[in-house]
Structure formats: structure tokens, C-alpha cells
């Protein structure tokens, strides 16, 4: 999986990242934010476990480097 967005940033002067790329479609951004909030606030896994998974995934994919 690539961590380099294929679309340009929707915010002038800002680099490409998930937030600035999703700015091209407010509906997509709203749907993603709703899904992400549900992911963190619901489910069987405790939040600290979810955070460890998020950090490991970022490390494995090179996200944030």
C-alpha cells in the first residue's frame, strides 16, 4: 500500500495528506470522519489496543516518514 497520495492537496500551500486530499469531496470527508469516529468509540477492542494497532500500521507502511 502506498502512503503517497495520488491526488493533489485541496489546500493551497499544504502538502498532500489524507485530510487535504479528502478536501476535494466534503461528502467523502464527512463519511470518513463518521466511520473513523465509530471505529474509535465502538467495538470490542479497548482504545489503547486500537492505538497500538494504529501505531504499528503506521510504522509498517512507512506512514509519517
PDB file of N, CA and C in Angstrom:
ATOM      1  N   UNK A   1       0.847  -1.166   0.000  1.00  0.00           N
ATOM      2  CA  UNK A   1       0.000   0.000   0.000  1.00  0.00           C
ATOM      3  C   UNK A   1       0.896   1.235   0.000  1.00  0.00           C
ATOM      4  N   UNK A   2       0.590   2.171  -0.863  1.00  0.00           N
ATOM      5  CA  UNK A   2       1.367   3.393  -0.950  1.00  0.00           C
ATOM      6  C   UNK A   2       0.907   4.406   0.092  1.00  0.00           C
ATOM      7  N   UNK A   3       1.843   5.136   0.647  1.00  0.00           N
ATOM      8  CA  UNK A   3       1.494   6.212   1.571  1.00  0.00           C
ATOM      9  C   UNK A   3       1.562   7.568   0.884  1.00  0.00           C
ATOM     10  N   UNK A   4       1.829   7.569  -0.422  1.00  0.00           N
ATOM     11  CA  UNK A   4       1.884   8.802  -1.195  1.00  0.00           C
ATOM     12  C   UNK A   4       0.551   9.022  -1.899  1.00  0.00           C
ATOM     13  N   UNK A   5      -0.179  10.099  -1.546  1.00  0.00           N
ATOM     14  CA  UNK A   5      -1.461  10.358  -2.222  1.00  0.00           C
ATOM     15  C   UNK A   5      -1.260  10.570  -3.712  1.00  0.00           C
ATOM     16  N   UNK A   6      -2.208  10.108  -4.480  1.00  0.00           N
ATOM     17  CA  UNK A   6      -2.144  10.267  -5.935  1.00  0.00           C
ATOM     18  C   UNK A   6      -2.846  11.532  -6.390  1.00  0.00           C
ATOM     19  N   UNK A   7      -3.553  12.187  -5.484  1.00  0.00           N
ATOM     20  CA  UNK A   7      -4.252  13.426  -5.806  1.00  0.00           C
ATOM     21  C   UNK A   7      -3.556  14.606  -5.147  1.00  0.00           C
ATOM     22  N   UNK A   8      -3.738  15.760  -5.722  1.00  0.00           N
ATOM     23  CA  UNK A   8      -3.147  16.974  -5.173  1.00  0.00           C
ATOM     24  C   UNK A   8      -3.907  17.418  -3.929  1.00  0.00           C
ATOM     25  N   UNK A   9      -3.248  18.195  -3.115  1.00  0.00           N
ATOM     26  CA  UNK A   9      -3.876  18.769  -1.938  1.00  0.00           C
ATOM     27  C   UNK A   9      -4.975  19.746  -2.373  1.00  0.00           C
ATOM     28  N   UNK A  10      -6.046  19.805  -1.592  1.00  0.00           N
ATOM     29  CA  UNK A  10      -7.116  20.757  -1.874  1.00  0.00           C
ATOM     30  C   UNK A  10      -6.871  22.084  -1.165  1.00  0.00           C
ATOM     31  N   UNK A  11      -5.799  22.147  -0.377  1.00  0.00           N
ATOM     32  CA  UNK A  11      -5.477  23.345   0.395  1.00  0.00           C
ATOM     33  C   UNK A  11      -4.194  23.952  -0.162  1.00  0.00           C
ATOM     34  N   UNK A  12      -4.295  25.139  -0.695  1.00  0.00           N
ATOM     35  CA  UNK A  12      -3.135  25.784  -1.295  1.00  0.00           C
ATOM     36  C   UNK A  12      -2.021  25.961  -0.263  1.00  0.00           C
ATOM     37  N   UNK A  13      -0.816  25.571  -0.642  1.00  0.00           N
ATOM     38  CA  UNK A  13       0.331  25.707   0.235  1.00  0.00           C
ATOM     39  C   UNK A  13       0.509  24.565   1.219  1.00  0.00           C
ATOM     40  N   UNK A  14      -0.424  23.629   1.248  1.00  0.00           N
ATOM     41  CA  UNK A  14      -0.327  22.477   2.150  1.00  0.00           C
ATOM     42  C   UNK A  14       0.022  21.235   1.346  1.00  0.00           C
ATOM     43  N   UNK A  15       0.810  20.376   1.928  1.00  0.00           N
ATOM     44  CA  UNK A  15       1.193  19.129   1.272  1.00  0.00           C
ATOM     45  C   UNK A  15       0.047  18.131   1.215  1.00  0.00           C
ATOM     46  N   UNK A  16       0.272  17.079   0.467  1.00  0.00           N
ATOM     47  CA  UNK A  16      -0.724  16.016   0.333  1.00  0.00           C
ATOM     48  C   UNK A  16      -0.739  15.163   1.580  1.00  0.00           C
ATOM     49  N   UNK A  17      -1.900  14.970   2.132  1.00  0.00           N
ATOM     50  CA  UNK A  17      -2.127  14.006   3.195  1.00  0.00           C
ATOM     51  C   UNK A  17      -3.604  13.635   3.150  1.00  0.00           C
ATOM     52  N   UNK A  18      -4.018  12.711   3.958  1.00  0.00           N
ATOM     53  CA  UNK A  18      -5.390  12.221   3.863  1.00  0.00           C
ATOM     54  C   UNK A  18      -6.419  13.341   4.032  1.00  0.00           C
ATOM     55  N   UNK A  19      -6.139  14.280   4.912  1.00  0.00           N
ATOM     56  CA  UNK A  19      -7.079  15.368   5.172  1.00  0.00           C
ATOM     57  C   UNK A  19      -7.164  16.343   3.999  1.00  0.00           C
ATOM     58  N   UNK A  20      -6.017  16.762   3.479  1.00  0.00           N
ATOM     59  CA  UNK A  20      -6.059  17.752   2.409  1.00  0.00           C
ATOM     60  C   UNK A  20      -6.551  17.160   1.096  1.00  0.00           C
ATOM     61  N   UNK A  21      -6.313  15.881   0.876  1.00  0.00           N
ATOM     62  CA  UNK A  21      -6.811  15.240  -0.343  1.00  0.00           C
ATOM     63  C   UNK A  21      -8.324  15.034  -0.251  1.00  0.00           C
ATOM     64  N   UNK A  22      -8.812  14.610   0.923  1.00  0.00           N
ATOM     65  CA  UNK A  22     -10.267  14.422   1.070  1.00  0.00           C
ATOM     66  C   UNK A  22     -11.027  15.737   1.005  1.00  0.00           C
ATOM     67  N   UNK A  23     -10.329  16.847   1.109  1.00  0.00           N
ATOM     68  CA  UNK A  23     -10.969  18.148   0.997  1.00  0.00           C
ATOM     69  C   UNK A  23     -11.587  18.396  -0.371  1.00  0.00           C
ATOM     70  N   UNK A  24     -11.219  17.603  -1.361  1.00  0.00           N
ATOM     71  CA  UNK A  24     -11.820  17.733  -2.686  1.00  0.00           C
ATOM     72  C   UNK A  24     -13.289  17.314  -2.671  1.00  0.00           C
ATOM     73  N   UNK A  25     -13.659  16.474  -1.733  1.00  0.00           N
ATOM     74  CA  UNK A  25     -15.039  15.992  -1.662  1.00  0.00           C
ATOM     75  C   UNK A  25     -15.527  16.026  -0.213  1.00  0.00           C
ATOM     76  N   UNK A  26     -16.250  17.071   0.163  1.00  0.00           N
ATOM     77  CA  UNK A  26     -16.766  17.153   1.528  1.00  0.00           C
ATOM     78  C   UNK A  26     -17.615  15.942   1.936  1.00  0.00           C
ATOM     79  N   UNK A  27     -18.332  15.348   0.989  1.00  0.00           N
ATOM     80  CA  UNK A  27     -19.145  14.165   1.305  1.00  0.00           C
ATOM     81  C   UNK A  27     -18.266  12.984   1.687  1.00  0.00           C
ATOM     82  N   UNK A  28     -17.170  12.803   0.977  1.00  0.00           N
ATOM     83  CA  UNK A  28     -16.237  11.721   1.299  1.00  0.00           C
ATOM     84  C   UNK A  28     -15.610  11.985   2.661  1.00  0.00           C
ATOM     85  N   UNK A  29     -15.208  13.218   2.902  1.00  0.00           N
ATOM     86  CA  UNK A  29     -14.597  13.584   4.184  1.00  0.00           C
ATOM     87  C   UNK A  29     -15.569  13.331   5.337  1.00  0.00           C
ATOM     88  N   UNK A  30     -16.812  13.726   5.173  1.00  0.00           N
ATOM     89  CA  UNK A  30     -17.823  13.529   6.214  1.00  0.00           C
ATOM     90  C   UNK A  30     -18.054  12.038   6.490  1.00  0.00           C
ATOM     91  N   UNK A  31     -18.149  11.255   5.424  1.00  0.00           N
ATOM     92  CA  UNK A  31     -18.352   9.808   5.589  1.00  0.00           C
ATOM     93  C   UNK A  31     -17.152   9.168   6.283  1.00  0.00           C
ATOM     94  N   UNK A  32     -15.949   9.552   5.888  1.00  0.00           N
ATOM     95  CA  UNK A  32     -14.748   9.005   6.506  1.00  0.00           C
ATOM     96  C   UNK A  32     -14.686   9.379   7.987  1.00  0.00           C
ATOM     97  N   UNK A  33     -14.949  10.643   8.303  1.00  0.00           N
ATOM     98  CA  UNK A  33     -14.906  11.082   9.700  1.00  0.00           C
ATOM     99  C   UNK A  33     -15.916  10.330  10.558  1.00  0.00           C
ATOM    100  N   UNK A  34     -17.107  10.070  10.013  1.00  0.00           N
ATOM    101  CA  UNK A  34     -18.112   9.299  10.739  1.00  0.00           C
ATOM    102  C   UNK A  34     -17.663   7.871  10.983  1.00  0.00           C
ATOM    103  N   UNK A  35     -17.078   7.259   9.959  1.00  0.00           N
ATOM    104  CA  UNK A  35     -16.590   5.893  10.086  1.00  0.00           C
ATOM    105  C   UNK A  35     -15.443   5.825  11.094  1.00  0.00           C
ATOM    106  N   UNK A  36     -14.538   6.775  11.031  1.00  0.00           N
ATOM    107  CA  UNK A  36     -13.381   6.784  11.915  1.00  0.00           C
ATOM    108  C   UNK A  36     -13.797   6.990  13.374  1.00  0.00           C
ATOM    109  N   UNK A  37     -14.764   7.875  13.605  1.00  0.00           N
ATOM    110  CA  UNK A  37     -15.281   8.096  14.963  1.00  0.00           C
ATOM    111  C   UNK A  37     -15.919   6.823  15.512  1.00  0.00           C
ATOM    112  N   UNK A  38     -16.671   6.128  14.669  1.00  0.00           N
ATOM    113  CA  UNK A  38     -17.292   4.870  15.089  1.00  0.00           C
ATOM    114  C   UNK A  38     -16.230   3.826  15.406  1.00  0.00           C
ATOM    115  N   UNK A  39     -15.201   3.750  14.569  1.00  0.00           N
ATOM    116  CA  UNK A  39     -14.117   2.803  14.792  1.00  0.00           C
ATOM    117  C   UNK A  39     -13.489   2.991  16.169  1.00  0.00           C
ATOM    118  N   UNK A  40     -13.242   4.234  16.559  1.00  0.00           N
ATOM    119  CA  UNK A  40     -12.576   4.511  17.827  1.00  0.00           C
ATOM    120  C   UNK A  40     -13.511   4.427  19.028  1.00  0.00           C
ATOM    121  N   UNK A  41     -14.801   4.704  18.846  1.00  0.00           N
ATOM    122  CA  UNK A  41     -15.704   4.777  20.003  1.00  0.00           C
ATOM    123  C   UNK A  41     -16.506   3.501  20.255  1.00  0.00           C
ATOM    124  N   UNK A  42     -16.524   2.587  19.314  1.00  0.00           N
ATOM    125  CA  UNK A  42     -17.320   1.374  19.457  1.00  0.00           C
ATOM    126  C   UNK A  42     -16.439   0.148  19.247  1.00  0.00           C
ATOM    127  N   UNK A  43     -16.975  -1.010  19.536  1.00  0.00           N
ATOM    128  CA  UNK A  43     -16.261  -2.253  19.278  1.00  0.00           C
ATOM    129  C   UNK A  43     -15.776  -2.925  20.542  1.00  0.00           C
ATOM    130  N   UNK A  44     -15.193  -4.074  20.350  1.00  0.00           N
ATOM    131  CA  UNK A  44     -14.741  -4.912  21.461  1.00  0.00           C
ATOM    132  C   UNK A  44     -13.346  -4.549  21.958  1.00  0.00           C
ATOM    133  N   UNK A  45     -12.489  -4.102  21.076  1.00  0.00           N
ATOM    134  CA  UNK A  45     -11.106  -3.809  21.470  1.00  0.00           C
ATOM    135  C   UNK A  45     -11.032  -2.495  22.242  1.00  0.00           C
ATOM    136  N   UNK A  46     -10.259  -2.474  23.335  1.00  0.00           N
ATOM    137  CA  UNK A  46     -10.079  -1.234  24.086  1.00  0.00           C
ATOM    138  C   UNK A  46      -9.317  -0.195  23.248  1.00  0.00           C
ATOM    139  N   UNK A  47      -9.513   1.068  23.566  1.00  0.00           N
ATOM    140  CA  UNK A  47      -8.889   2.156  22.807  1.00  0.00           C
ATOM    141  C   UNK A  47      -7.363   2.046  22.827  1.00  0.00           C
ATOM    142  N   UNK A  48      -6.768   1.632  23.934  1.00  0.00           N
ATOM    143  CA  UNK A  48      -5.311   1.529  23.968  1.00  0.00           C
ATOM    144  C   UNK A  48      -4.793   0.463  23.000  1.00  0.00           C
ATOM    145  N   UNK A  49      -5.543  -0.608  22.812  1.00  0.00           N
ATOM    146  CA  UNK A  49      -5.167  -1.640  21.843  1.00  0.00           C
ATOM    147  C   UNK A  49      -5.322  -1.097  20.421  1.00  0.00           C
ATOM    148  N   UNK A  50      -6.391  -0.372  20.179  1.00  0.00           N
ATOM    149  CA  UNK A  50      -6.596   0.239  18.855  1.00  0.00           C
ATOM    150  C   UNK A  50      -5.458   1.209  18.529  1.00  0.00           C
ATOM    151  N   UNK A  51      -5.015   1.950  19.522  1.00  0.00           N
ATOM    152  CA  UNK A  51      -3.915   2.895  19.302  1.00  0.00           C
ATOM    153  C   UNK A  51      -2.616   2.155  18.990  1.00  0.00           C
ATOM    154  N   UNK A  52      -2.343   1.069  19.671  1.00  0.00           N
ATOM    155  CA  UNK A  52      -1.153   0.277  19.355  1.00  0.00           C
ATOM    156  C   UNK A  52      -1.211  -0.278  17.934  1.00  0.00           C
ATOM    157  N   UNK A  53      -2.385  -0.715  17.513  1.00  0.00           N
ATOM    158  CA  UNK A  53      -2.563  -1.216  16.147  1.00  0.00           C
ATOM    159  C   UNK A  53      -2.321  -0.089  15.139  1.00  0.00           C
ATOM    160  N   UNK A  54      -2.856   1.098  15.439  1.00  0.00           N
ATOM    161  CA  UNK A  54      -2.680   2.250  14.548  1.00  0.00           C
ATOM    162  C   UNK A  54      -1.198   2.602  14.420  1.00  0.00           C
ATOM    163  N   UNK A  55      -0.492   2.622  15.538  1.00  0.00           N
ATOM    164  CA  UNK A  55       0.935   2.950  15.511  1.00  0.00           C
ATOM    165  C   UNK A  55       1.749   1.907  14.748  1.00  0.00           C
ATOM    166  N   UNK A  56       1.437   0.629  14.968  1.00  0.00           N
ATOM    167  CA  UNK A  56       2.149  -0.423  14.252  1.00  0.00           C
ATOM    168  C   UNK A  56       1.888  -0.339  12.756  1.00  0.00           C
ATOM    169  N   UNK A  57       0.635  -0.108  12.386  1.00  0.00           N
ATOM    170  CA  UNK A  57       0.302   0.011  10.974  1.00  0.00           C
ATOM    171  C   UNK A  57       1.062   1.177  10.339  1.00  0.00           C
ATOM    172  N   UNK A  58       1.131   2.296  11.031  1.00  0.00           N
ATOM    173  CA  UNK A  58       1.862   3.456  10.503  1.00  0.00           C
ATOM    174  C   UNK A  58       3.344   3.117  10.328  1.00  0.00           C
ATOM    175  N   UNK A  59       3.897   2.384  11.268  1.00  0.00           N
ATOM    176  CA  UNK A  59       5.314   2.014  11.192  1.00  0.00           C
ATOM    177  C   UNK A  59       5.566   1.051  10.041  1.00  0.00           C
ATOM    178  N   UNK A  60       4.703   0.059   9.892  1.00  0.00           N
ATOM    179  CA  UNK A  60       4.872  -0.943   8.835  1.00  0.00           C
ATOM    180  C   UNK A  60       4.736  -0.325   7.448  1.00  0.00           C
ATOM    181  N   UNK A  61       3.786   0.596   7.281  1.00  0.00           N
ATOM    182  CA  UNK A  61       3.544   1.187   5.960  1.00  0.00           C
ATOM    183  C   UNK A  61       4.440   2.393   5.683  1.00  0.00           C
ATOM    184  N   UNK A  62       5.204   2.828   6.691  1.00  0.00           N
ATOM    185  CA  UNK A  62       6.066   3.988   6.489  1.00  0.00           C
ATOM    186  C   UNK A  62       5.301   5.296   6.528  1.00  0.00           C
ATOM    187  N   UNK A  63       4.107   5.277   7.064  1.00  0.00           N
ATOM    188  CA  UNK A  63       3.279   6.479   7.139  1.00  0.00           C
ATOM    189  C   UNK A  63       3.921   7.483   8.096  1.00  0.00           C
ATOM    190  N   UNK A  64       4.023   8.710   7.668  1.00  0.00           N
ATOM    191  CA  UNK A  64       4.558   9.755   8.522  1.00  0.00           C
ATOM    192  C   UNK A  64       6.053   9.927   8.421  1.00  0.00           C
ATOM    193  N   UNK A  65       6.693   9.181   7.542  1.00  0.00           N
ATOM    194  CA  UNK A  65       8.146   9.321   7.381  1.00  0.00           C
ATOM    195  C   UNK A  65       8.473  10.434   6.432  1.00  0.00           C
TER     196      UNK A  65
END
